[in-house]
Amino acid sequence: MKGNYLFSTLLLLFSLMLTEQGNVKIFIAGDSIASIKEISAYPETGWGMPFVWFWDSTVTVVNKAKNGRSTSSFRKEGLWQQIMDEAAAGDYVIIQFGHNDEVPTKKTFTTETEFKNNLQQYVKEVRAKNATPLLLTPMARRKFDSTGKISGTHDIYAQIIRDVAKEEKVILFDMDRLTQALYQQFGEADSRLLFLQLKPGEHPNYPLGKEDNTHFSELGARLVAQLVLNEIKEKCPDLATHIIKSVVKK
């Protein structure tokens, strides 16, 4: 009996080890563009919200992104440490900042040098966990010139991220350029559908209406999440095997 019990226990532990090894966590470190929104903010939607639904049961998305955070404040508030405490070998950490780092009038402002140093330190710490860092340039704001052409709004800080990715040999998702192309595809008028754009009285959360060219609507967040997924399919083949494959029923 004891032998059978010991064998069963070892078999159970082995099975649990295999299950654990097959699981992957994707952490999101970022700002309001990715964060999970309060109900009072709807229909504002962070791209990290629909992102969770595209993965099979072996993947857990841990979205630590918070409104208004920069590379500096995210660490100061302990949010980065929460990720480091939980991250393990084989996991992935998405790092998406810039919106709040680059604005001199905000308390979260970080200089260009600080921004670069913060990103490099994040990458170093993720790798120390034997996890994979993924650097994302910030999603573009909606801004068109007089000719109807999309304009860049993160040129300096997005380039810093590109430089860090190149120097540190980190996988880069250039979301600034990808989202600019998305908005251009929709055009100046229809791209409003991708953002928190509401007329007075159109939604109870915004009785006076809303003209926001930074934060996404549900549609915008889903399309941006799909852009991130496309980058994963192209640049992270091991992780991409966990993306749910669509099956069209005939």
Protein backbone atom coordinates (compact mmCIF):
# COMPACT_ATOMS: atom_id res chain seq x y z
CA MET A 1 0.00 0.00 0.00
CA LYS A 2 2.79 2.40 0.95
CA GLY A 3 4.53 1.70 -2.34
CA ASN A 4 1.39 2.42 -4.32
CA TYR A 5 0.77 5.62 -2.35
CA LEU A 6 4.33 6.81 -2.93
CA PHE A 7 4.10 6.04 -6.64
CA SER A 8 0.78 7.91 -6.93
CA THR A 9 2.19 10.91 -5.07
CA LEU A 10 5.27 11.08 -7.28
CA LEU A 11 3.12 10.74 -10.39
CA LEU A 12 0.90 13.61 -9.24
CA LEU A 13 3.90 15.83 -8.49
CA PHE A 14 5.41 15.02 -11.88
CA SER A 15 2.14 15.88 -13.61
CA LEU A 16 1.94 19.17 -11.75
CA MET A 17 5.50 19.99 -12.77
CA LEU A 18 4.71 19.33 -16.41
CA THR A 19 1.59 21.48 -16.19
CA GLU A 20 3.53 24.29 -14.56
CA GLN A 21 6.26 24.12 -17.20
CA GLY A 22 3.67 24.41 -19.95
CA ASN A 23 2.12 27.57 -18.52
CA VAL A 24 3.22 31.02 -19.63
CA LYS A 25 2.54 34.41 -18.12
CA ILE A 26 2.50 37.62 -20.14
CA PHE A 27 2.92 40.71 -17.98
CA ILE A 28 1.97 44.17 -19.20
CA ALA A 29 3.87 47.11 -17.71
CA GLY A 30 2.47 50.36 -19.01
CA ASP A 31 0.10 53.29 -18.77
CA SER A 32 -3.55 54.11 -19.49
CA ILE A 33 -3.28 53.02 -23.12
CA ALA A 34 -3.04 49.40 -21.94
CA SER A 35 -4.69 49.47 -18.53
CA ILE A 36 -7.88 47.84 -17.25
CA LYS A 37 -10.52 50.55 -16.93
CA GLU A 38 -12.99 51.25 -14.16
CA ILE A 39 -16.64 50.87 -15.18
CA SER A 40 -17.06 54.62 -14.74
CA ALA A 41 -14.57 55.18 -17.58
CA TYR A 42 -16.35 53.06 -20.22
CA PRO A 43 -16.40 53.06 -23.17
CA GLU A 44 -12.71 53.97 -22.74
CA THR A 45 -10.81 50.70 -23.15
CA GLY A 46 -7.15 49.78 -22.76
CA TRP A 47 -5.76 47.46 -25.43
CA GLY A 48 -4.71 45.07 -22.66
CA MET A 49 -8.36 44.30 -21.94
CA PRO A 50 -9.32 42.53 -25.21
CA PHE A 51 -5.76 41.16 -25.46
CA VAL A 52 -6.52 38.55 -22.79
CA TRP A 53 -9.16 36.76 -24.87
CA PHE A 54 -6.86 35.63 -27.68
CA TRP A 55 -4.90 33.05 -25.66
CA ASP A 56 -5.35 29.38 -24.88
CA SER A 57 -5.66 28.02 -21.34
CA THR A 58 -1.89 27.74 -20.83
CA VAL A 59 -1.42 31.52 -20.93
CA THR A 60 -2.22 34.00 -18.18
CA VAL A 61 -2.12 37.71 -18.98
CA VAL A 62 -1.21 39.81 -15.93
CA ASN A 63 -2.03 43.42 -16.75
CA LYS A 64 -0.29 45.75 -14.29
CA ALA A 65 -0.60 48.85 -16.50
CA LYS A 66 -2.07 51.87 -14.69
CA ASN A 67 -3.39 55.23 -15.81
CA GLY A 68 -0.92 58.09 -15.79
CA ARG A 69 2.21 56.07 -15.10
CA SER A 70 5.67 56.64 -16.52
CA THR A 71 8.77 54.44 -16.42
CA SER A 72 9.74 56.22 -13.19
CA SER A 73 6.42 56.31 -11.33
CA PHE A 74 5.63 52.71 -12.27
CA ARG A 75 8.70 51.64 -10.32
CA LYS A 76 8.28 54.12 -7.46
CA GLU A 77 4.76 52.87 -6.76
CA GLY A 78 5.92 49.26 -6.57
CA LEU A 79 4.10 48.10 -9.69
CA TRP A 80 7.28 46.97 -11.38
CA GLN A 81 8.33 45.04 -8.28
CA GLN A 82 5.00 43.19 -8.35
CA ILE A 83 5.89 41.93 -11.81
CA MET A 84 9.42 40.99 -10.80
CA ASP A 85 8.11 39.09 -7.76
CA GLU A 86 5.84 36.97 -9.95
CA ALA A 87 7.78 36.63 -13.22
CA ALA A 88 9.60 33.37 -13.86
CA ALA A 89 11.69 31.72 -16.54
CA GLY A 90 9.82 31.44 -19.81
CA ASP A 91 7.47 34.34 -19.11
CA TYR A 92 7.17 37.52 -21.20
CA VAL A 93 7.08 41.13 -20.02
CA ILE A 94 5.57 43.75 -22.33
CA ILE A 95 6.98 47.21 -21.57
CA GLN A 96 4.94 50.06 -23.06
CA PHE A 97 5.59 53.60 -21.84
CA GLY A 98 6.13 57.07 -23.25
CA HIS A 99 2.83 58.95 -23.10
CA ASN A 100 3.45 60.31 -19.60
CA ASP A 101 7.24 60.24 -19.63
CA GLU A 102 7.44 62.75 -22.48
CA VAL A 103 5.17 65.53 -21.15
CA PRO A 104 7.21 68.18 -19.24
CA THR A 105 4.12 69.56 -17.46
CA LYS A 106 3.30 66.23 -15.81
CA LYS A 107 4.66 65.05 -12.47
CA THR A 108 5.55 61.78 -14.19
CA PHE A 109 7.87 63.49 -16.66
CA THR A 110 11.22 61.78 -17.19
CA THR A 111 14.06 63.31 -19.14
CA GLU A 112 15.26 61.57 -22.28
CA THR A 113 18.29 60.25 -20.43
CA GLU A 114 16.20 59.00 -17.50
CA PHE A 115 13.74 57.36 -19.88
CA LYS A 116 16.50 55.45 -21.64
CA ASN A 117 18.12 54.40 -18.37
CA ASN A 118 14.78 53.22 -16.97
CA LEU A 119 14.09 51.08 -20.03
CA GLN A 120 17.56 49.56 -19.95
CA GLN A 121 17.16 48.69 -16.27
CA TYR A 122 13.75 47.11 -16.92
CA VAL A 123 15.24 44.96 -19.67
CA LYS A 124 18.14 43.92 -17.45
CA GLU A 125 15.85 42.86 -14.61
CA VAL A 126 13.50 40.89 -16.85
CA ARG A 127 16.43 38.99 -18.33
CA ALA A 128 17.75 38.27 -14.85
CA LYS A 129 14.52 36.33 -14.34
CA ASN A 130 15.19 34.37 -17.54
CA ALA A 131 12.03 35.96 -18.93
CA THR A 132 11.71 37.75 -22.29
CA PRO A 133 11.30 41.55 -22.45
CA LEU A 134 9.22 43.01 -25.29
CA LEU A 135 9.64 46.73 -25.91
CA LEU A 136 6.71 48.64 -27.43
CA THR A 137 6.85 52.18 -28.70
CA PRO A 138 3.80 54.17 -27.51
CA MET A 139 0.60 53.99 -29.55
CA ALA A 140 0.23 57.12 -31.65
CA ARG A 141 -2.22 59.84 -30.76
CA ARG A 142 -4.79 60.76 -33.39
CA LYS A 143 -3.44 63.85 -35.13
CA PHE A 144 -3.86 64.70 -38.81
CA ASP A 145 -2.34 67.63 -40.71
CA SER A 146 -4.20 69.97 -43.05
CA THR A 147 -3.78 67.55 -45.95
CA GLY A 148 -5.34 64.63 -44.07
CA LYS A 149 -2.02 62.90 -43.38
CA ILE A 150 -1.34 61.40 -39.95
CA SER A 151 1.32 63.21 -37.91
CA GLY A 152 3.76 61.74 -35.42
CA THR A 153 3.20 62.63 -31.77
CA HIS A 154 5.89 60.55 -30.01
CA ASP A 155 8.84 61.06 -32.33
CA ILE A 156 11.59 61.61 -29.73
CA TYR A 157 10.58 59.10 -27.05
CA ALA A 158 9.58 56.45 -29.57
CA GLN A 159 13.04 56.73 -31.12
CA ILE A 160 14.64 56.27 -27.70
CA ILE A 161 12.78 52.96 -27.38
CA ARG A 162 13.93 51.91 -30.85
CA ASP A 163 17.51 52.76 -29.88
CA VAL A 164 17.32 50.76 -26.63
CA ALA A 165 15.83 47.78 -28.46
CA LYS A 166 18.68 47.87 -30.97
CA GLU A 167 21.45 48.38 -28.43
CA GLU A 168 20.16 45.76 -26.00
CA LYS A 169 18.99 43.35 -28.72
CA VAL A 170 15.41 43.34 -27.48
CA ILE A 171 12.36 42.42 -29.56
CA LEU A 172 10.63 45.64 -30.63
CA PHE A 173 7.01 46.20 -31.56
CA ASP A 174 6.92 49.62 -33.23
CA MET A 175 3.37 50.45 -32.24
CA ASP A 176 3.86 54.15 -32.96
CA ARG A 177 4.31 53.45 -36.66
CA LEU A 178 1.77 50.61 -36.76
CA THR A 179 -0.99 52.67 -35.16
CA GLN A 180 -0.23 55.66 -37.38
CA ALA A 181 -0.77 53.38 -40.37
CA LEU A 182 -4.02 52.12 -38.83
CA TYR A 183 -5.39 55.63 -38.35
CA GLN A 184 -4.34 56.61 -41.85
CA GLN A 185 -6.18 53.60 -43.22
CA PHE A 186 -9.38 54.74 -41.51
CA GLY A 187 -8.87 58.38 -42.47
CA GLU A 188 -9.32 61.56 -40.47
CA ALA A 189 -13.07 61.25 -39.98
CA ASP A 190 -13.57 57.50 -39.49
CA SER A 191 -10.53 57.17 -37.19
CA ARG A 192 -12.63 58.95 -34.56
CA LEU A 193 -14.39 55.60 -34.10
CA LEU A 194 -11.16 54.18 -32.64
CA PHE A 195 -11.03 56.74 -29.83
CA LEU A 196 -13.07 57.99 -26.92
CA GLN A 197 -15.10 60.39 -29.02
CA LEU A 198 -18.64 61.05 -27.74
CA LYS A 199 -21.28 63.68 -28.36
CA PRO A 200 -23.07 65.29 -25.39
CA GLY A 201 -25.68 62.91 -24.03
CA GLU A 202 -24.37 59.95 -26.02
CA HIS A 203 -23.11 58.04 -22.97
CA PRO A 204 -24.07 58.40 -19.28
CA ASN A 205 -20.43 58.35 -18.18
CA TYR A 206 -19.76 61.46 -20.28
CA PRO A 207 -22.92 63.61 -20.23
CA LEU A 208 -21.04 66.59 -21.69
CA GLY A 209 -19.41 64.46 -24.39
CA LYS A 210 -15.75 63.69 -24.88
CA GLU A 211 -13.08 64.60 -27.46
CA ASP A 212 -10.15 62.30 -26.68
CA ASN A 213 -7.51 61.54 -29.30
CA THR A 214 -5.30 59.49 -26.98
CA HIS A 215 -7.46 56.82 -25.33
CA PHE A 216 -9.23 54.09 -27.24
CA SER A 217 -12.83 53.04 -27.66
CA GLU A 218 -13.67 49.35 -27.47
CA LEU A 219 -13.17 49.06 -31.24
CA GLY A 220 -9.85 50.87 -31.16
CA ALA A 221 -8.53 48.79 -28.27
CA ARG A 222 -9.45 45.54 -30.01
CA LEU A 223 -7.79 46.54 -33.28
CA VAL A 224 -4.64 47.68 -31.46
CA ALA A 225 -4.58 44.41 -29.49
CA GLN A 226 -4.71 42.59 -32.80
CA LEU A 227 -1.74 44.62 -34.02
CA VAL A 228 0.20 43.48 -30.95
CA LEU A 229 -0.83 39.89 -31.62
CA ASN A 230 0.36 40.18 -35.22
CA GLU A 231 3.75 41.33 -33.97
CA ILE A 232 3.89 38.36 -31.60
CA LYS A 233 3.06 35.98 -34.47
CA GLU A 234 5.91 37.45 -36.51
CA LYS A 235 8.57 37.94 -33.85
CA CYS A 236 7.79 35.51 -31.00
CA PRO A 237 7.02 32.17 -32.67
CA ASP A 238 7.17 30.15 -29.43
CA LEU A 239 4.66 32.41 -27.73
CA ALA A 240 2.52 32.58 -30.87
CA THR A 241 1.77 28.86 -30.62
CA HIS A 242 -0.49 29.71 -27.66
CA ILE A 243 -2.70 32.09 -29.65
CA ILE A 244 -6.15 30.62 -30.20
CA LYS A 245 -6.68 29.71 -33.83
CA SER A 246 -9.96 30.91 -35.28
CA VAL A 247 -12.23 28.21 -36.63
CA VAL A 248 -14.91 29.25 -39.08
CA LYS A 249 -17.91 26.97 -38.80
CA LYS A 250 -19.52 26.07 -42.12
